[in-house]
C-alpha atoms as a PDB file:
ATOM      1  CA  MET A   1     -21.987 -74.299-149.837  1.00  0.00           C
ATOM      2  CA  THR A   2     -22.312 -76.180-152.875  1.00  0.00           C
ATOM      3  CA  GLN A   3     -20.838 -79.543-153.181  1.00  0.00           C
ATOM      4  CA  ARG A   4     -18.643 -80.815-155.984  1.00  0.00           C
ATOM      5  CA  ARG A   5     -18.770 -83.880-157.488  1.00  0.00           C
ATOM      6  CA  MET A   6     -15.928 -85.265-159.567  1.00  0.00           C
ATOM      7  CA  TYR A   7     -16.410 -88.155-161.831  1.00  0.00           C
ATOM      8  CA  TYR A   8     -13.520 -90.000-163.157  1.00  0.00           C
ATOM      9  CA  LYS A   9     -14.065 -92.222-166.372  1.00  0.00           C
ATOM     10  CA  SER A  10     -11.501 -95.013-166.284  1.00  0.00           C
ATOM     11  CA  THR A  11     -10.031 -96.173-169.883  1.00  0.00           C
ATOM     12  CA  ASN A  12      -8.796 -99.221-168.675  1.00  0.00           C
ATOM     13  CA  ILE A  13     -10.509-102.580-169.787  1.00  0.00           C
ATOM     14  CA  SER A  14     -10.720-105.298-167.209  1.00  0.00           C
ATOM     15  CA  PRO A  15      -9.467-108.675-168.173  1.00  0.00           C
ATOM     16  CA  LEU A  16     -12.806-110.188-167.456  1.00  0.00           C
ATOM     17  CA  THR A  17     -14.166-108.022-170.077  1.00  0.00           C
ATOM     18  CA  LEU A  18     -11.869-109.163-172.672  1.00  0.00           C
ATOM     19  CA  ILE A  19     -12.411-112.886-171.775  1.00  0.00           C
ATOM     20  CA  GLY A  20     -16.139-112.195-172.103  1.00  0.00           C
ATOM     21  CA  LEU A  21     -15.643-110.435-175.630  1.00  0.00           C
ATOM     22  CA  GLY A  22     -13.374-113.155-176.985  1.00  0.00           C
ATOM     23  CA  LEU A  23     -16.222-115.828-175.862  1.00  0.00           C
ATOM     24  CA  LEU A  24     -18.749-113.683-177.593  1.00  0.00           C
ATOM     25  CA  ALA A  25     -16.805-113.448-180.702  1.00  0.00           C
ATOM     26  CA  VAL A  26     -15.928-117.046-180.817  1.00  0.00           C
ATOM     27  CA  ALA A  27     -19.695-117.888-180.046  1.00  0.00           C
ATOM     28  CA  ALA A  28     -20.696-115.711-182.899  1.00  0.00           C
ATOM     29  CA  PHE A  29     -18.224-117.195-185.260  1.00  0.00           C
ATOM     30  CA  PHE A  30     -19.491-120.878-184.687  1.00  0.00           C
ATOM     31  CA  VAL A  31     -23.413-119.739-184.818  1.00  0.00           C
ATOM     32  CA  ALA A  32     -22.743-117.857-188.041  1.00  0.00           C
ATOM     33  CA  LEU A  33     -20.472-120.794-189.708  1.00  0.00           C
ATOM     34  CA  PRO A  34     -23.326-123.191-190.259  1.00  0.00           C
ATOM     35  CA  LEU A  35     -25.536-120.357-191.654  1.00  0.00           C
ATOM     36  CA  PHE A  36     -22.681-119.231-194.080  1.00  0.00           C
ATOM     37  CA  LEU A  37     -21.908-123.072-194.993  1.00  0.00           C
ATOM     38  CA  GLY A  38     -25.752-123.516-195.776  1.00  0.00           C
ATOM     39  CA  ALA A  39     -25.757-120.717-197.950  1.00  0.00           C
ATOM     40  CA  VAL A  40     -22.825-121.557-199.925  1.00  0.00           C
ATOM     41  CA  VAL A  41     -24.192-125.190-200.251  1.00  0.00           C
ATOM     42  CA  VAL A  42     -27.693-123.703-201.555  1.00  0.00           C
ATOM     43  CA  PHE A  43     -26.175-121.262-204.058  1.00  0.00           C
ATOM     44  CA  SER A  44     -23.802-123.962-205.187  1.00  0.00           C
ATOM     45  CA  ILE A  45     -26.803-126.411-205.897  1.00  0.00           C
ATOM     46  CA  ALA A  46     -28.616-123.640-207.560  1.00  0.00           C
ATOM     47  CA  ALA A  47     -25.591-122.851-209.864  1.00  0.00           C
ATOM     48  CA  PHE A  48     -24.891-126.466-210.645  1.00  0.00           C
ATOM     49  CA  TYR A  49     -28.628-126.867-211.599  1.00  0.00           C
ATOM     50  CA  MET A  50     -28.566-123.781-213.738  1.00  0.00           C
ATOM     51  CA  ALA A  51     -25.425-124.974-215.656  1.00  0.00           C
ATOM     52  CA  TRP A  52     -26.901-128.617-216.211  1.00  0.00           C
ATOM     53  CA  ARG A  53     -30.155-126.827-217.804  1.00  0.00           C
ATOM     54  CA  VAL A  54     -27.908-124.535-219.901  1.00  0.00           C
ATOM     55  CA  ARG A  55     -25.742-127.305-220.988  1.00  0.00           C
ATOM     56  CA  LYS A  56     -28.709-129.596-221.831  1.00  0.00           C
ATOM     57  CA  VAL A  57     -30.562-126.702-223.779  1.00  0.00           C
ATOM     58  CA  MET A  58     -27.136-126.091-225.638  1.00  0.00           C
ATOM     59  CA  ARG A  59     -26.765-129.784-226.604  1.00  0.00           C
ATOM     60  CA  GLN A  60     -30.355-129.741-228.060  1.00  0.00           C
ATOM     61  CA  PHE A  61     -29.595-126.589-229.963  1.00  0.00           C
ATOM     62  CA  GLU A  62     -26.457-128.301-231.365  1.00  0.00           C
ATOM     63  CA  LYS A  63     -28.426-131.328-232.444  1.00  0.00           C
ATOM     64  CA  GLU A  64     -31.270-129.160-233.922  1.00  0.00           C
ATOM     65  CA  TYR A  65     -28.607-127.041-235.928  1.00  0.00           C
ATOM     66  CA  ALA A  66     -26.810-130.132-237.031  1.00  0.00           C
ATOM     67  CA  ARG A  67     -29.984-131.836-238.148  1.00  0.00           C
ATOM     68  CA  ARG A  68     -31.110-128.527-239.995  1.00  0.00           C
ATOM     69  CA  SER A  69     -27.791-128.179-241.773  1.00  0.00           C
ATOM     70  CA  GLU A  70     -27.668-131.561-242.819  1.00  0.00           C
ATOM     71  CA  ALA A  71     -31.151-131.162-244.506  1.00  0.00           C
ATOM     72  CA  ASP A  72     -30.092-127.727-246.187  1.00  0.00           C
ATOM     73  CA  SER A  73     -27.037-129.541-247.576  1.00  0.00           C
ATOM     74  CA  ASN A  74     -29.263-131.792-249.720  1.00  0.00           C
ATOM     75  CA  LEU A  75     -31.307-128.793-251.257  1.00  0.00           C
ATOM     76  CA  ASP A  76     -30.123-127.754-254.839  1.00  0.00           C
ATOM     77  CA  ALA A  77     -30.192-123.876-255.891  1.00  0.00           C
ATOM     78  CA  SER A  78     -33.430-124.400-258.020  1.00  0.00           C
ATOM     79  CA  SER A  79     -35.401-125.406-254.709  1.00  0.00           C
ATOM     80  CA  LEU A  80     -34.347-122.009-253.363  1.00  0.00           C
ATOM     81  CA  ILE A  81     -35.957-119.943-256.131  1.00  0.00           C
ATOM     82  CA  ILE A  82     -39.455-118.663-255.562  1.00  0.00           C
ATOM     83  CA  ASP A  83     -41.327-118.329-258.890  1.00  0.00           C
ATOM     84  CA  VAL A  84     -43.788-115.161-259.015  1.00  0.00           C
ATOM     85  CA  THR A  85     -44.321-115.280-262.663  1.00  0.00           C
ATOM     86  CA  PRO A  86     -48.065-115.549-263.156  1.00  0.00           C
ATOM     87  CA  ASN A  87     -49.508-118.395-265.125  1.00  0.00           C
ATOM     88  CA  GLN A  88     -51.640-118.249-268.393  1.00  0.00           C
ATOM     89  CA  THR A  89     -54.852-118.222-266.449  1.00  0.00           C
ATOM     90  CA  GLU A  90     -53.854-115.253-264.237  1.00  0.00           C
ATOM     91  CA  GLN A  91     -52.963-113.112-267.271  1.00  0.00           C
ATOM     92  CA  GLY A  92     -55.794-113.854-268.925  1.00  0.00           C
ATOM     93  CA  LYS A  93     -57.849-112.463-265.708  1.00  0.00           C
ATOM     94  CA  ASP A  94     -55.741-109.499-265.408  1.00  0.00           C
ATOM     95  CA  ARG A  95     -56.465-108.456-269.109  1.00  0.00           C
ATOM     96  CA  GLN A  96     -60.314-108.542-268.608  1.00  0.00           C
END
């Protein structure tokens, strides 16, 4: 005669298991919290450094632009004309 075995699966979770899972969740939170805060600090320091560098470069560009625009305002129209007509010696060389 064959013997039949019956297996029953219990779907009830014991209170001890719930307490263990709760403690595991709390421990994981407190372990992950310093890592998260450390990452926030590192990325914020990097962001502030990049913002400081960009601001410094922008101020340098503004100073250079102001200097060049001041220098360009002193120019008259004749200084912007490039004379390309040949002079007398070049005309004589071309004819020969």
